Amino acid sequence: MRKDCLSSVVLLLTAVTGCTSGVPKELAASPDRNQVIQRMHRRFSAECFNNCWTLIDKTNRTPQDVEDMILCASASMWHWKQRGDCKPLNMSIGYGQLSRVYALAGHYDIAKRFGQKCLTAAMNGNTPAFYIGYGYEALTRAEIGLKNFPAAAYNLENAQSQLSQVRDAEEKQWLKADLDSLKKMLPKETVPPSGDPQDR
């Protein structure tokens, strides 16, 4: 473990437990316990999130990679939820990552549950279309895995509707690429149901 990472862990444990036995003075001394805790949550939420995406982007994941991917997404989300600056947008992004990793791991029922949380957080937070689109993207991915193709088509249709409202060119390209890849997974001429299939 890198020295700076070890120092961060020691600081967090010291702040949380109040135990300074055996801890170097420069690490144990903290003028504001809450500041230390928040600083560590900010660090670990970001590091775990980024490490997770590194694993998502791997083409040949090992079983250990899959386990680490799920653990990183879960740890990132937990640390985000402890942060004082956590907003619905952050929750939506975190739940979206959790949905993605569970889908990649083949646990589509869990992926669907987190996909719904992702979309709900985006809707409740009045967030930009890009994030709402990814909420529907997460549900599309999960429904395809569950072979609920009409429901997948319904969510894909909603995601594409959000895509048309995305103004940032790079964000639009990212979302479009993911939606195009999901569209190829649907059987041809799949018809989405009328109304929200979640209501049935």
Foldseek 3Di string as FASTA:
>chain_A
DDPVVVLLVLLQCCLVVVDCVPPDPVSNDDPDSVVSNQVSLVVLLVVLVVLLVVLVPDPDHDPVSLVSNLVSLVSNLVSLVVHPPRALQNLLVSLLSNLSSCLVVLNLVSSQVSLCSSLVSCVVRVHALLSNLSSLLSNLSSCLSVVVQLLSVVSLVSSVVSLVRDDDPVSSVVSVVSSVVSVVSHDPPRHHDPDRPVVD
